Amino acid sequence: MANTASARKRIRQTEVRTARNAARKSRMRTFIKKVETAIASGDKEQAAAALRAAQPEMQRAAGKGVAHANTISRKISRLSARIKAIATA
């Protein structure tokens, strides 16, 4: 258990930050799931719109340090490639 006032404060700050990061990550995953669902339905316009909505949320997570920037770039790239492939299928 924390003995000093500064250590107790760090614990409080960590709890708040952890909750905020978890919410941010959850929100990002929800947006990604919406894109996945739209891709599975085969509706290219709906999938593209879902990706346009998800992209800023994903970039924000990378900017805040919740997810690595390269991971987000890779996910966006792969989702957009899957959306582009809907037309040919």
N, C-alpha and C. Protein backbone atom coordinates (compact mmCIF):
# COMPACT_ATOMS: atom_id res chain seq x y z
N MET A 1 0.84 -1.19 0.00
CA MET A 1 0.00 0.00 0.00
C MET A 1 0.88 1.25 0.00
N ALA A 2 0.41 2.29 -0.62
CA ALA A 2 1.18 3.53 -0.74
C ALA A 2 1.33 4.21 0.61
N ASN A 3 2.53 4.66 0.91
CA ASN A 3 2.79 5.31 2.19
C ASN A 3 2.75 6.83 2.11
N THR A 4 3.19 7.38 0.98
CA THR A 4 3.29 8.83 0.88
C THR A 4 2.07 9.40 0.15
N ALA A 5 1.87 10.68 0.36
CA ALA A 5 0.74 11.37 -0.29
C ALA A 5 0.91 11.35 -1.80
N SER A 6 2.14 11.51 -2.26
CA SER A 6 2.38 11.53 -3.71
C SER A 6 2.09 10.15 -4.32
N ALA A 7 2.41 9.09 -3.58
CA ALA A 7 2.14 7.75 -4.09
C ALA A 7 0.63 7.49 -4.15
N ARG A 8 -0.09 7.98 -3.12
CA ARG A 8 -1.55 7.83 -3.14
C ARG A 8 -2.16 8.59 -4.31
N LYS A 9 -1.61 9.77 -4.59
CA LYS A 9 -2.09 10.56 -5.72
C LYS A 9 -1.81 9.83 -7.04
N ARG A 10 -0.63 9.24 -7.17
CA ARG A 10 -0.30 8.50 -8.39
C ARG A 10 -1.28 7.34 -8.60
N ILE A 11 -1.67 6.69 -7.53
CA ILE A 11 -2.64 5.60 -7.63
C ILE A 11 -3.97 6.12 -8.15
N ARG A 12 -4.41 7.27 -7.61
CA ARG A 12 -5.67 7.87 -8.09
C ARG A 12 -5.57 8.23 -9.56
N GLN A 13 -4.46 8.83 -9.95
CA GLN A 13 -4.28 9.25 -11.34
C GLN A 13 -4.27 8.03 -12.27
N THR A 14 -3.61 6.97 -11.83
CA THR A 14 -3.52 5.75 -12.64
C THR A 14 -4.90 5.14 -12.85
N GLU A 15 -5.71 5.13 -11.81
CA GLU A 15 -7.06 4.57 -11.93
C GLU A 15 -7.89 5.34 -12.95
N VAL A 16 -7.81 6.67 -12.88
CA VAL A 16 -8.57 7.51 -13.81
C VAL A 16 -8.07 7.28 -15.24
N ARG A 17 -6.74 7.28 -15.40
CA ARG A 17 -6.15 7.12 -16.72
C ARG A 17 -6.47 5.74 -17.31
N THR A 18 -6.42 4.70 -16.47
CA THR A 18 -6.73 3.35 -16.93
C THR A 18 -8.17 3.25 -17.41
N ALA A 19 -9.09 3.84 -16.65
CA ALA A 19 -10.50 3.82 -17.05
C ALA A 19 -10.70 4.57 -18.36
N ARG A 20 -10.03 5.71 -18.51
CA ARG A 20 -10.16 6.50 -19.73
C ARG A 20 -9.61 5.73 -20.93
N ASN A 21 -8.46 5.11 -20.76
CA ASN A 21 -7.85 4.34 -21.85
C ASN A 21 -8.70 3.14 -22.23
N ALA A 22 -9.27 2.47 -21.23
CA ALA A 22 -10.13 1.31 -21.50
C ALA A 22 -11.36 1.74 -22.29
N ALA A 23 -11.94 2.88 -21.93
CA ALA A 23 -13.12 3.39 -22.64
C ALA A 23 -12.75 3.73 -24.09
N ARG A 24 -11.59 4.35 -24.26
CA ARG A 24 -11.14 4.74 -25.60
C ARG A 24 -10.92 3.50 -26.47
N LYS A 25 -10.28 2.48 -25.89
CA LYS A 25 -10.00 1.25 -26.64
C LYS A 25 -11.30 0.53 -26.98
N SER A 26 -12.24 0.50 -26.04
CA SER A 26 -13.53 -0.14 -26.26
C SER A 26 -14.30 0.57 -27.38
N ARG A 27 -14.29 1.90 -27.34
CA ARG A 27 -14.96 2.70 -28.37
C ARG A 27 -14.36 2.42 -29.74
N MET A 28 -13.05 2.33 -29.81
CA MET A 28 -12.38 2.04 -31.07
C MET A 28 -12.78 0.66 -31.59
N ARG A 29 -12.81 -0.32 -30.70
CA ARG A 29 -13.18 -1.68 -31.10
C ARG A 29 -14.61 -1.73 -31.61
N THR A 30 -15.50 -0.96 -30.98
CA THR A 30 -16.90 -0.92 -31.42
C THR A 30 -17.00 -0.38 -32.84
N PHE A 31 -16.26 0.69 -33.13
CA PHE A 31 -16.25 1.26 -34.48
C PHE A 31 -15.72 0.24 -35.49
N ILE A 32 -14.66 -0.47 -35.12
CA ILE A 32 -14.08 -1.48 -36.02
C ILE A 32 -15.09 -2.60 -36.27
N LYS A 33 -15.82 -2.99 -35.21
CA LYS A 33 -16.83 -4.04 -35.36
C LYS A 33 -17.93 -3.62 -36.34
N LYS A 34 -18.30 -2.33 -36.30
CA LYS A 34 -19.32 -1.82 -37.22
C LYS A 34 -18.83 -1.92 -38.66
N VAL A 35 -17.55 -1.65 -38.88
CA VAL A 35 -16.98 -1.78 -40.23
C VAL A 35 -16.99 -3.24 -40.65
N GLU A 36 -16.58 -4.13 -39.74
CA GLU A 36 -16.56 -5.57 -40.05
C GLU A 36 -17.95 -6.07 -40.41
N THR A 37 -18.96 -5.63 -39.67
CA THR A 37 -20.33 -6.04 -39.93
C THR A 37 -20.79 -5.55 -41.30
N ALA A 38 -20.45 -4.32 -41.63
CA ALA A 38 -20.83 -3.75 -42.93
C ALA A 38 -20.14 -4.50 -44.06
N ILE A 39 -18.88 -4.88 -43.87
CA ILE A 39 -18.16 -5.64 -44.89
C ILE A 39 -18.81 -7.01 -45.08
N ALA A 40 -19.18 -7.64 -43.97
CA ALA A 40 -19.81 -8.96 -44.04
C ALA A 40 -21.16 -8.91 -44.75
N SER A 41 -21.88 -7.79 -44.61
CA SER A 41 -23.17 -7.67 -45.27
C SER A 41 -23.03 -7.48 -46.78
N GLY A 42 -21.84 -7.02 -47.21
CA GLY A 42 -21.59 -6.87 -48.64
C GLY A 42 -21.98 -5.52 -49.20
N ASP A 43 -22.41 -4.60 -48.35
CA ASP A 43 -22.80 -3.26 -48.79
C ASP A 43 -21.58 -2.35 -48.78
N LYS A 44 -21.07 -2.05 -49.97
CA LYS A 44 -19.82 -1.29 -50.07
C LYS A 44 -19.97 0.14 -49.55
N GLU A 45 -21.08 0.80 -49.87
CA GLU A 45 -21.28 2.18 -49.43
C GLU A 45 -21.36 2.27 -47.91
N GLN A 46 -22.11 1.35 -47.33
CA GLN A 46 -22.26 1.34 -45.87
C GLN A 46 -20.91 1.03 -45.20
N ALA A 47 -20.14 0.12 -45.77
CA ALA A 47 -18.83 -0.24 -45.21
C ALA A 47 -17.87 0.95 -45.30
N ALA A 48 -17.91 1.65 -46.44
CA ALA A 48 -17.04 2.81 -46.60
C ALA A 48 -17.40 3.92 -45.62
N ALA A 49 -18.70 4.11 -45.41
CA ALA A 49 -19.15 5.13 -44.45
C ALA A 49 -18.73 4.75 -43.03
N ALA A 50 -18.84 3.47 -42.70
CA ALA A 50 -18.44 3.01 -41.38
C ALA A 50 -16.94 3.19 -41.17
N LEU A 51 -16.15 2.96 -42.21
CA LEU A 51 -14.70 3.14 -42.10
C LEU A 51 -14.36 4.62 -41.94
N ARG A 52 -15.08 5.49 -42.67
CA ARG A 52 -14.84 6.93 -42.52
C ARG A 52 -15.15 7.40 -41.11
N ALA A 53 -16.13 6.78 -40.47
CA ALA A 53 -16.47 7.13 -39.08
C ALA A 53 -15.45 6.54 -38.11
N ALA A 54 -14.93 5.37 -38.42
CA ALA A 54 -14.01 4.66 -37.52
C ALA A 54 -12.60 5.24 -37.57
N GLN A 55 -12.21 5.71 -38.73
CA GLN A 55 -10.82 6.15 -38.93
C GLN A 55 -10.37 7.23 -37.93
N PRO A 56 -11.13 8.32 -37.72
CA PRO A 56 -10.67 9.32 -36.76
C PRO A 56 -10.58 8.76 -35.34
N GLU A 57 -11.50 7.87 -35.00
CA GLU A 57 -11.50 7.27 -33.66
C GLU A 57 -10.25 6.41 -33.47
N MET A 58 -9.88 5.68 -34.50
CA MET A 58 -8.68 4.84 -34.44
C MET A 58 -7.42 5.71 -34.37
N GLN A 59 -7.38 6.76 -35.17
CA GLN A 59 -6.22 7.66 -35.15
C GLN A 59 -6.09 8.35 -33.80
N ARG A 60 -7.21 8.69 -33.20
CA ARG A 60 -7.20 9.33 -31.89
C ARG A 60 -6.62 8.38 -30.84
N ALA A 61 -6.99 7.11 -30.93
CA ALA A 61 -6.45 6.12 -30.00
C ALA A 61 -4.93 6.02 -30.15
N ALA A 62 -4.46 6.08 -31.38
CA ALA A 62 -3.01 6.04 -31.62
C ALA A 62 -2.34 7.29 -31.08
N GLY A 63 -2.97 8.43 -31.28
CA GLY A 63 -2.41 9.68 -30.81
C GLY A 63 -2.33 9.77 -29.30
N LYS A 64 -3.29 9.14 -28.63
CA LYS A 64 -3.32 9.17 -27.17
C LYS A 64 -2.46 8.07 -26.56
N GLY A 65 -1.89 7.22 -27.40
CA GLY A 65 -1.01 6.17 -26.89
C GLY A 65 -1.74 4.92 -26.44
N VAL A 66 -3.03 4.82 -26.74
CA VAL A 66 -3.80 3.63 -26.36
C VAL A 66 -3.43 2.46 -27.26
N ALA A 67 -3.18 2.75 -28.52
CA ALA A 67 -2.77 1.73 -29.48
C ALA A 67 -1.56 2.27 -30.25
N HIS A 68 -0.75 1.37 -30.74
CA HIS A 68 0.45 1.78 -31.48
C HIS A 68 0.05 2.32 -32.84
N ALA A 69 0.75 3.34 -33.29
CA ALA A 69 0.42 4.00 -34.55
C ALA A 69 0.50 3.04 -35.73
N ASN A 70 1.51 2.19 -35.76
CA ASN A 70 1.64 1.25 -36.87
C ASN A 70 0.51 0.22 -36.87
N THR A 71 0.05 -0.17 -35.69
CA THR A 71 -1.06 -1.12 -35.60
C THR A 71 -2.31 -0.51 -36.20
N ILE A 72 -2.57 0.75 -35.89
CA ILE A 72 -3.75 1.43 -36.41
C ILE A 72 -3.64 1.59 -37.92
N SER A 73 -2.46 1.97 -38.41
CA SER A 73 -2.26 2.11 -39.86
C SER A 73 -2.51 0.79 -40.56
N ARG A 74 -2.02 -0.29 -39.98
CA ARG A 74 -2.20 -1.61 -40.58
C ARG A 74 -3.68 -1.99 -40.61
N LYS A 75 -4.39 -1.75 -39.51
CA LYS A 75 -5.81 -2.10 -39.45
C LYS A 75 -6.63 -1.30 -40.47
N ILE A 76 -6.35 -0.01 -40.56
CA ILE A 76 -7.07 0.84 -41.52
C ILE A 76 -6.79 0.37 -42.94
N SER A 77 -5.54 0.05 -43.22
CA SER A 77 -5.15 -0.40 -44.55
C SER A 77 -5.87 -1.69 -44.93
N ARG A 78 -5.89 -2.62 -43.99
CA ARG A 78 -6.52 -3.92 -44.27
C ARG A 78 -8.03 -3.80 -44.41
N LEU A 79 -8.64 -2.95 -43.59
CA LEU A 79 -10.09 -2.76 -43.71
C LEU A 79 -10.45 -2.10 -45.04
N SER A 80 -9.67 -1.10 -45.45
CA SER A 80 -9.97 -0.42 -46.71
C SER A 80 -9.74 -1.36 -47.89
N ALA A 81 -8.74 -2.23 -47.79
CA ALA A 81 -8.51 -3.21 -48.86
C ALA A 81 -9.68 -4.18 -48.97
N ARG A 82 -10.22 -4.57 -47.82
CA ARG A 82 -11.37 -5.49 -47.83
C ARG A 82 -12.61 -4.80 -48.41
N ILE A 83 -12.75 -3.51 -48.15
CA ILE A 83 -13.89 -2.76 -48.69
C ILE A 83 -13.76 -2.64 -50.21
N LYS A 84 -12.53 -2.36 -50.68
CA LYS A 84 -12.30 -2.27 -52.12
C LYS A 84 -12.57 -3.60 -52.82
N ALA A 85 -12.32 -4.70 -52.12
CA ALA A 85 -12.51 -6.02 -52.73
C ALA A 85 -13.99 -6.40 -52.84
N ILE A 86 -14.87 -5.68 -52.16
CA ILE A 86 -16.31 -5.98 -52.22
C ILE A 86 -16.82 -5.81 -53.65
N ALA A 87 -16.37 -4.79 -54.35
CA ALA A 87 -16.87 -4.52 -55.71
C ALA A 87 -16.55 -5.64 -56.68
N THR A 88 -15.35 -6.23 -56.54
CA THR A 88 -14.94 -7.29 -57.47
C THR A 88 -15.64 -8.60 -57.15
N ALA A 89 -16.01 -8.80 -55.90
CA ALA A 89 -16.61 -10.07 -55.50
C ALA A 89 -18.05 -10.18 -55.95
